[in-house]
């Protein structure tokens, strides 16, 4: 599948994706890509975030590929059972945050727990770092397995965001291209 043949929905995490974040850059660079906006990026509500994703997928006019980061990953997994059958062709899930076991997370983020472990109804690729402060690699591996997703070891990449040196994240674009080719 080519990016021109689908709607690419980009799903940021807590705080949204500022202009330096790779997701914002990708939204500006990919002709069919767009950020899915949430009403409140700083005090997230799991039901509202889930509903916004379901709404965005339902409004798509072409097959959909989801690209989620951080809390956007959890919201995507929560929304998956409610997405219209066959519309989402695949998802790249980057830097899953362990909202169940990571200490010192805000209460608003903890409301996203428990994270479903059911297999996702579409192909997925989980990209996990070995030194992500919000999730151990082993937990990311465990969740990816339960979701039926492939796992990519991103090495020591932190939370794969601008703070960890991932502004444009060209390696991610290469992963996207390879993933799309197989859809």
C-alpha atoms as a PDB file:
ATOM      1  CA  UNK A   1       0.000   0.000   0.000  1.00  0.00           C
ATOM      2  CA  UNK A   2       1.197   3.521  -0.748  1.00  0.00           C
ATOM      3  CA  UNK A   3       0.609   6.504   1.528  1.00  0.00           C
ATOM      4  CA  UNK A   4      -1.356   8.167  -1.288  1.00  0.00           C
ATOM      5  CA  UNK A   5      -3.848   5.273  -1.167  1.00  0.00           C
ATOM      6  CA  UNK A   6      -4.875   5.696   2.466  1.00  0.00           C
ATOM      7  CA  UNK A   7      -5.736   8.158   5.199  1.00  0.00           C
ATOM      8  CA  UNK A   8      -2.940   8.295   7.746  1.00  0.00           C
ATOM      9  CA  UNK A   9      -4.285   9.230  11.157  1.00  0.00           C
ATOM     10  CA  UNK A  10      -1.631  10.408  13.599  1.00  0.00           C
ATOM     11  CA  UNK A  11      -2.521   9.933  17.256  1.00  0.00           C
ATOM     12  CA  UNK A  12      -0.380  11.908  19.732  1.00  0.00           C
ATOM     13  CA  UNK A  13       0.007  11.210  23.418  1.00  0.00           C
ATOM     14  CA  UNK A  14      -0.248  13.309  26.558  1.00  0.00           C
ATOM     15  CA  UNK A  15       0.302  16.993  25.795  1.00  0.00           C
ATOM     16  CA  UNK A  16      -0.160  16.496  22.045  1.00  0.00           C
ATOM     17  CA  UNK A  17       2.683  16.738  19.547  1.00  0.00           C
ATOM     18  CA  UNK A  18       4.434  20.089  19.413  1.00  0.00           C
ATOM     19  CA  UNK A  19       5.960  21.355  16.194  1.00  0.00           C
ATOM     20  CA  UNK A  20       9.308  19.666  16.975  1.00  0.00           C
ATOM     21  CA  UNK A  21       7.741  16.237  17.496  1.00  0.00           C
ATOM     22  CA  UNK A  22       8.167  13.707  14.715  1.00  0.00           C
ATOM     23  CA  UNK A  23       4.387  13.211  14.566  1.00  0.00           C
ATOM     24  CA  UNK A  24       3.758  16.888  13.796  1.00  0.00           C
ATOM     25  CA  UNK A  25       6.527  16.827  11.207  1.00  0.00           C
ATOM     26  CA  UNK A  26       5.085  13.716   9.590  1.00  0.00           C
ATOM     27  CA  UNK A  27       1.601  15.273   9.492  1.00  0.00           C
ATOM     28  CA  UNK A  28       3.081  18.182   7.539  1.00  0.00           C
ATOM     29  CA  UNK A  29       5.131  15.946   5.282  1.00  0.00           C
ATOM     30  CA  UNK A  30       2.693  13.146   4.429  1.00  0.00           C
ATOM     31  CA  UNK A  31       0.060  14.443   2.004  1.00  0.00           C
ATOM     32  CA  UNK A  32      -2.633  12.110   3.382  1.00  0.00           C
ATOM     33  CA  UNK A  33      -1.571  12.422   7.013  1.00  0.00           C
ATOM     34  CA  UNK A  34      -3.344  14.390   9.700  1.00  0.00           C
ATOM     35  CA  UNK A  35      -3.190  14.731  13.442  1.00  0.00           C
ATOM     36  CA  UNK A  36      -6.303  13.588  15.275  1.00  0.00           C
ATOM     37  CA  UNK A  37      -7.005  16.389  17.756  1.00  0.00           C
ATOM     38  CA  UNK A  38      -8.247  15.760  21.270  1.00  0.00           C
ATOM     39  CA  UNK A  39     -10.252  18.260  23.322  1.00  0.00           C
ATOM     40  CA  UNK A  40      -7.827  18.198  26.244  1.00  0.00           C
ATOM     41  CA  UNK A  41      -4.239  17.116  25.705  1.00  0.00           C
ATOM     42  CA  UNK A  42      -3.198  17.735  29.320  1.00  0.00           C
ATOM     43  CA  UNK A  43      -6.099  16.172  31.252  1.00  0.00           C
ATOM     44  CA  UNK A  44      -6.941  13.199  29.040  1.00  0.00           C
ATOM     45  CA  UNK A  45     -10.170  11.292  29.377  1.00  0.00           C
ATOM     46  CA  UNK A  46      -9.932   7.712  28.066  1.00  0.00           C
ATOM     47  CA  UNK A  47     -13.539   7.633  26.838  1.00  0.00           C
ATOM     48  CA  UNK A  48     -13.222  10.945  24.991  1.00  0.00           C
ATOM     49  CA  UNK A  49      -9.906   9.961  23.405  1.00  0.00           C
ATOM     50  CA  UNK A  50     -11.265   6.568  22.347  1.00  0.00           C
ATOM     51  CA  UNK A  51     -14.409   8.141  20.887  1.00  0.00           C
ATOM     52  CA  UNK A  52     -12.386  10.721  18.935  1.00  0.00           C
ATOM     53  CA  UNK A  53     -10.331   7.951  17.321  1.00  0.00           C
ATOM     54  CA  UNK A  54     -13.448   5.953  16.417  1.00  0.00           C
ATOM     55  CA  UNK A  55     -14.970   9.123  14.945  1.00  0.00           C
ATOM     56  CA  UNK A  56     -11.844   9.943  12.888  1.00  0.00           C
ATOM     57  CA  UNK A  57     -11.655   6.410  11.479  1.00  0.00           C
ATOM     58  CA  UNK A  58     -15.398   6.400  10.704  1.00  0.00           C
ATOM     59  CA  UNK A  59     -15.036   9.668   8.775  1.00  0.00           C
ATOM     60  CA  UNK A  60     -12.144   8.404   6.636  1.00  0.00           C
ATOM     61  CA  UNK A  61     -12.838   8.083   2.932  1.00  0.00           C
ATOM     62  CA  UNK A  62     -10.048   5.608   2.207  1.00  0.00           C
ATOM     63  CA  UNK A  63      -8.369   2.737   4.045  1.00  0.00           C
ATOM     64  CA  UNK A  64      -6.721   3.952   7.272  1.00  0.00           C
ATOM     65  CA  UNK A  65      -3.253   3.530   8.738  1.00  0.00           C
ATOM     66  CA  UNK A  66      -2.855   4.639  12.349  1.00  0.00           C
ATOM     67  CA  UNK A  67       0.378   6.068  13.745  1.00  0.00           C
ATOM     68  CA  UNK A  68       0.198   6.403  17.524  1.00  0.00           C
ATOM     69  CA  UNK A  69       2.706   7.618  20.090  1.00  0.00           C
ATOM     70  CA  UNK A  70       2.712   7.133  23.859  1.00  0.00           C
ATOM     71  CA  UNK A  71      -0.750   7.576  25.404  1.00  0.00           C
ATOM     72  CA  UNK A  72      -2.098   7.634  21.833  1.00  0.00           C
ATOM     73  CA  UNK A  73      -1.075   3.956  21.678  1.00  0.00           C
ATOM     74  CA  UNK A  74      -3.220   3.092  24.691  1.00  0.00           C
ATOM     75  CA  UNK A  75      -6.147   5.103  23.281  1.00  0.00           C
ATOM     76  CA  UNK A  76      -5.765   3.230  19.977  1.00  0.00           C
ATOM     77  CA  UNK A  77      -5.874  -0.150  21.715  1.00  0.00           C
ATOM     78  CA  UNK A  78      -8.952   0.967  23.681  1.00  0.00           C
ATOM     79  CA  UNK A  79     -10.651   2.096  20.448  1.00  0.00           C
ATOM     80  CA  UNK A  80      -9.721  -0.981  18.372  1.00  0.00           C
ATOM     81  CA  UNK A  81     -12.819  -3.104  19.153  1.00  0.00           C
ATOM     82  CA  UNK A  82     -15.114  -0.246  18.135  1.00  0.00           C
ATOM     83  CA  UNK A  83     -13.451   0.620  14.824  1.00  0.00           C
ATOM     84  CA  UNK A  84     -15.406  -0.160  11.660  1.00  0.00           C
ATOM     85  CA  UNK A  85     -14.409  -3.612  10.415  1.00  0.00           C
ATOM     86  CA  UNK A  86     -11.816  -3.655   7.646  1.00  0.00           C
ATOM     87  CA  UNK A  87     -11.211   0.102   7.522  1.00  0.00           C
ATOM     88  CA  UNK A  88      -7.954   0.160   9.493  1.00  0.00           C
ATOM     89  CA  UNK A  89      -5.332  -1.670   7.451  1.00  0.00           C
ATOM     90  CA  UNK A  90      -2.557  -1.347  10.016  1.00  0.00           C
ATOM     91  CA  UNK A  91      -1.058   0.597  12.913  1.00  0.00           C
ATOM     92  CA  UNK A  92       2.380   1.650  14.066  1.00  0.00           C
ATOM     93  CA  UNK A  93       2.399   1.945  17.846  1.00  0.00           C
ATOM     94  CA  UNK A  94       5.414   3.870  19.151  1.00  0.00           C
ATOM     95  CA  UNK A  95       6.632   4.129  22.761  1.00  0.00           C
ATOM     96  CA  UNK A  96       3.753   2.387  24.531  1.00  0.00           C
ATOM     97  CA  UNK A  97       3.511   3.777  28.093  1.00  0.00           C
ATOM     98  CA  UNK A  98       2.863   1.256  30.815  1.00  0.00           C
ATOM     99  CA  UNK A  99      -0.035   3.050  32.512  1.00  0.00           C
ATOM    100  CA  UNK A 100      -0.473   0.079  34.826  1.00  0.00           C
ATOM    101  CA  UNK A 101       2.996  -0.225  36.371  1.00  0.00           C
ATOM    102  CA  UNK A 102       5.031   2.943  35.715  1.00  0.00           C
ATOM    103  CA  UNK A 103       5.369   4.861  38.995  1.00  0.00           C
ATOM    104  CA  UNK A 104       4.558   8.568  39.386  1.00  0.00           C
ATOM    105  CA  UNK A 105       2.214   8.900  36.417  1.00  0.00           C
ATOM    106  CA  UNK A 106      -0.527  11.541  36.680  1.00  0.00           C
ATOM    107  CA  UNK A 107      -3.918  10.226  37.789  1.00  0.00           C
ATOM    108  CA  UNK A 108      -5.407  11.286  34.446  1.00  0.00           C
ATOM    109  CA  UNK A 109      -3.015   8.916  32.669  1.00  0.00           C
ATOM    110  CA  UNK A 110      -3.683   6.068  35.119  1.00  0.00           C
ATOM    111  CA  UNK A 111      -7.383   6.246  34.167  1.00  0.00           C
ATOM    112  CA  UNK A 112      -6.393   4.566  30.884  1.00  0.00           C
ATOM    113  CA  UNK A 113      -5.681   1.326  32.788  1.00  0.00           C
ATOM    114  CA  UNK A 114      -6.194  -1.519  32.498  1.00  0.00           C
ATOM    115  CA  UNK A 115      -4.813  -1.825  28.982  1.00  0.00           C
ATOM    116  CA  UNK A 116      -6.668  -4.412  26.880  1.00  0.00           C
ATOM    117  CA  UNK A 117      -4.659  -7.456  25.881  1.00  0.00           C
ATOM    118  CA  UNK A 118      -6.980  -8.735  23.174  1.00  0.00           C
ATOM    119  CA  UNK A 119      -5.489  -9.283  19.701  1.00  0.00           C
ATOM    120  CA  UNK A 120      -5.849  -6.222  17.510  1.00  0.00           C
ATOM    121  CA  UNK A 121      -8.145  -6.593  14.476  1.00  0.00           C
ATOM    122  CA  UNK A 122      -5.446  -5.235  12.129  1.00  0.00           C
ATOM    123  CA  UNK A 123      -1.703  -5.727  11.598  1.00  0.00           C
ATOM    124  CA  UNK A 124       0.378  -3.699  14.022  1.00  0.00           C
ATOM    125  CA  UNK A 125       4.001  -2.856  14.642  1.00  0.00           C
ATOM    126  CA  UNK A 126       5.081  -1.907  18.164  1.00  0.00           C
ATOM    127  CA  UNK A 127       8.266   0.182  18.312  1.00  0.00           C
ATOM    128  CA  UNK A 128       9.837   0.002  21.773  1.00  0.00           C
ATOM    129  CA  UNK A 129      12.965   1.459  23.317  1.00  0.00           C
ATOM    130  CA  UNK A 130      15.144  -0.396  25.801  1.00  0.00           C
ATOM    131  CA  UNK A 131      15.426   2.678  28.054  1.00  0.00           C
ATOM    132  CA  UNK A 132      11.973   4.232  27.790  1.00  0.00           C
ATOM    133  CA  UNK A 133      11.244   5.807  31.184  1.00  0.00           C
ATOM    134  CA  UNK A 134       7.546   4.976  30.808  1.00  0.00           C
ATOM    135  CA  UNK A 135       7.751   1.277  29.927  1.00  0.00           C
ATOM    136  CA  UNK A 136      10.267  -1.520  30.245  1.00  0.00           C
ATOM    137  CA  UNK A 137      11.168  -3.298  27.055  1.00  0.00           C
ATOM    138  CA  UNK A 138       9.900  -6.553  28.551  1.00  0.00           C
ATOM    139  CA  UNK A 139       6.447  -5.083  29.225  1.00  0.00           C
ATOM    140  CA  UNK A 140       6.286  -3.627  25.698  1.00  0.00           C
ATOM    141  CA  UNK A 141       7.254  -7.048  24.352  1.00  0.00           C
ATOM    142  CA  UNK A 142       4.546  -8.708  26.456  1.00  0.00           C
ATOM    143  CA  UNK A 143       1.826  -6.311  25.276  1.00  0.00           C
ATOM    144  CA  UNK A 144       2.928  -6.560  21.630  1.00  0.00           C
ATOM    145  CA  UNK A 145       2.668 -10.335  21.858  1.00  0.00           C
ATOM    146  CA  UNK A 146      -0.829 -10.208  23.358  1.00  0.00           C
ATOM    147  CA  UNK A 147      -1.965  -7.796  20.642  1.00  0.00           C
ATOM    148  CA  UNK A 148      -0.566 -10.056  17.896  1.00  0.00           C
ATOM    149  CA  UNK A 149       1.783  -7.243  16.857  1.00  0.00           C
ATOM    150  CA  UNK A 150       5.328  -7.405  15.578  1.00  0.00           C
ATOM    151  CA  UNK A 151       7.919  -5.799  17.829  1.00  0.00           C
ATOM    152  CA  UNK A 152      10.750  -3.523  16.720  1.00  0.00           C
ATOM    153  CA  UNK A 153      13.672  -3.022  19.099  1.00  0.00           C
ATOM    154  CA  UNK A 154      14.535   0.690  18.844  1.00  0.00           C
ATOM    155  CA  UNK A 155      17.620   0.259  21.027  1.00  0.00           C
ATOM    156  CA  UNK A 156      18.273   2.913  23.644  1.00  0.00           C
ATOM    157  CA  UNK A 157      16.003   5.622  22.238  1.00  0.00           C
ATOM    158  CA  UNK A 158      14.291   6.947  25.357  1.00  0.00           C
ATOM    159  CA  UNK A 159      10.627   7.784  24.802  1.00  0.00           C
ATOM    160  CA  UNK A 160      11.181   8.364  21.072  1.00  0.00           C
ATOM    161  CA  UNK A 161      10.267  12.031  21.292  1.00  0.00           C
ATOM    162  CA  UNK A 162      12.109  15.369  20.926  1.00  0.00           C
ATOM    163  CA  UNK A 163      13.440  15.120  24.505  1.00  0.00           C
ATOM    164  CA  UNK A 164      15.250  11.913  23.521  1.00  0.00           C
ATOM    165  CA  UNK A 165      16.581  13.443  20.288  1.00  0.00           C
ATOM    166  CA  UNK A 166      13.836  12.231  17.964  1.00  0.00           C
ATOM    167  CA  UNK A 167      12.555  15.340  16.216  1.00  0.00           C
ATOM    168  CA  UNK A 168      12.225  14.311  12.577  1.00  0.00           C
ATOM    169  CA  UNK A 169      12.936  10.590  13.312  1.00  0.00           C
ATOM    170  CA  UNK A 170      13.963   9.456   9.787  1.00  0.00           C
ATOM    171  CA  UNK A 171      14.351   5.850  11.003  1.00  0.00           C
ATOM    172  CA  UNK A 172      10.644   5.895  11.811  1.00  0.00           C
ATOM    173  CA  UNK A 173       9.771   7.036   8.296  1.00  0.00           C
ATOM    174  CA  UNK A 174      11.792   4.131   6.928  1.00  0.00           C
ATOM    175  CA  UNK A 175       9.885   1.763   9.245  1.00  0.00           C
ATOM    176  CA  UNK A 176       6.600   3.275   8.022  1.00  0.00           C
ATOM    177  CA  UNK A 177       7.596   2.711   4.385  1.00  0.00           C
ATOM    178  CA  UNK A 178       8.496  -0.927   5.046  1.00  0.00           C
ATOM    179  CA  UNK A 179       5.327  -1.514   7.026  1.00  0.00           C
ATOM    180  CA  UNK A 180       3.142   0.067   4.334  1.00  0.00           C
ATOM    181  CA  UNK A 181       4.792  -2.026   1.633  1.00  0.00           C
ATOM    182  CA  UNK A 182       3.606  -5.179   3.403  1.00  0.00           C
ATOM    183  CA  UNK A 183      -0.011  -4.052   3.857  1.00  0.00           C
END
